[in-house]
Structure formats: structure tokens, C-alpha cells
């Protein structure tokens, strides 16, 4: 059974940092694209950043570019999202997602939410 488990969310002050982790079980990540998405109350789910299976290609939404960094460690079956300079508007539930590399391209995975497997989400709250 394919499963993604996020961790690392929490409460942080504006300007602070958090690192989210997404650990996969039941499958190996090295043939999957992985993405981070978020959903704030009353808003649609937004694709933030996606990374190719080799990590050579990444995509960032304008809202997080230059503040967030996606990375992956295939040996640990884990993907990370380093979030710096956090703002109150970054408050949301953050989800990781996986899609087989053969089914999409990186940009489409994030912008069109091409996702096969979702994690359960982790709450990030940024106080002003």
C-alpha cells in the first residue's frame, strides 16, 4: 500500500523557518515525481513546488519562489520542503503528493494537480 506521511509542521512566528518532511512507504520514490501542495481555509489547493525523480528538475510557484526549497533523498525515501521567511499568508495545511514520472511533467504536476497519491497533511501556522 502506497503511503506518504508528512511531518515538521507547527506554529512559527512571521519571518521564521520550518522544514517539512515527506516519507514514503510501500513504494520507492526514485521513479516518482513528488510535489508539495497547500490548502488554506476557504481557498483552493495550491501547488507549491514539485521535483523530478532525479532532482534535476524543480518547479516553484511564484508565491514561494526564493523562500522555499524542495529536495529529496531517495536513499531515505524522503522529500523535504525547507520554508524560510514565512508569512502569515503561508498558514495552511501542507500536503505532499506523488505521481509516477511516466504520467506527467514537473510543471503540470504542480500547476494542474496531477497527483496519484496524497499524504494526510500537516498544519503550518504562521503568527504575525
Foldseek 3Di string as FASTA:
>chain_A
DKAKAKDWADEEAAQAKIKMKIAIPPDQQLQKKKWKWWDAPPDDIATAKIAHSVRPDMDGDPVQPPFWDWDDDRVRRMIMIIGGRDDQVVWTWMKMFIDGPVPDDRVCCGHVVPGDDIHPTDTHGYHD
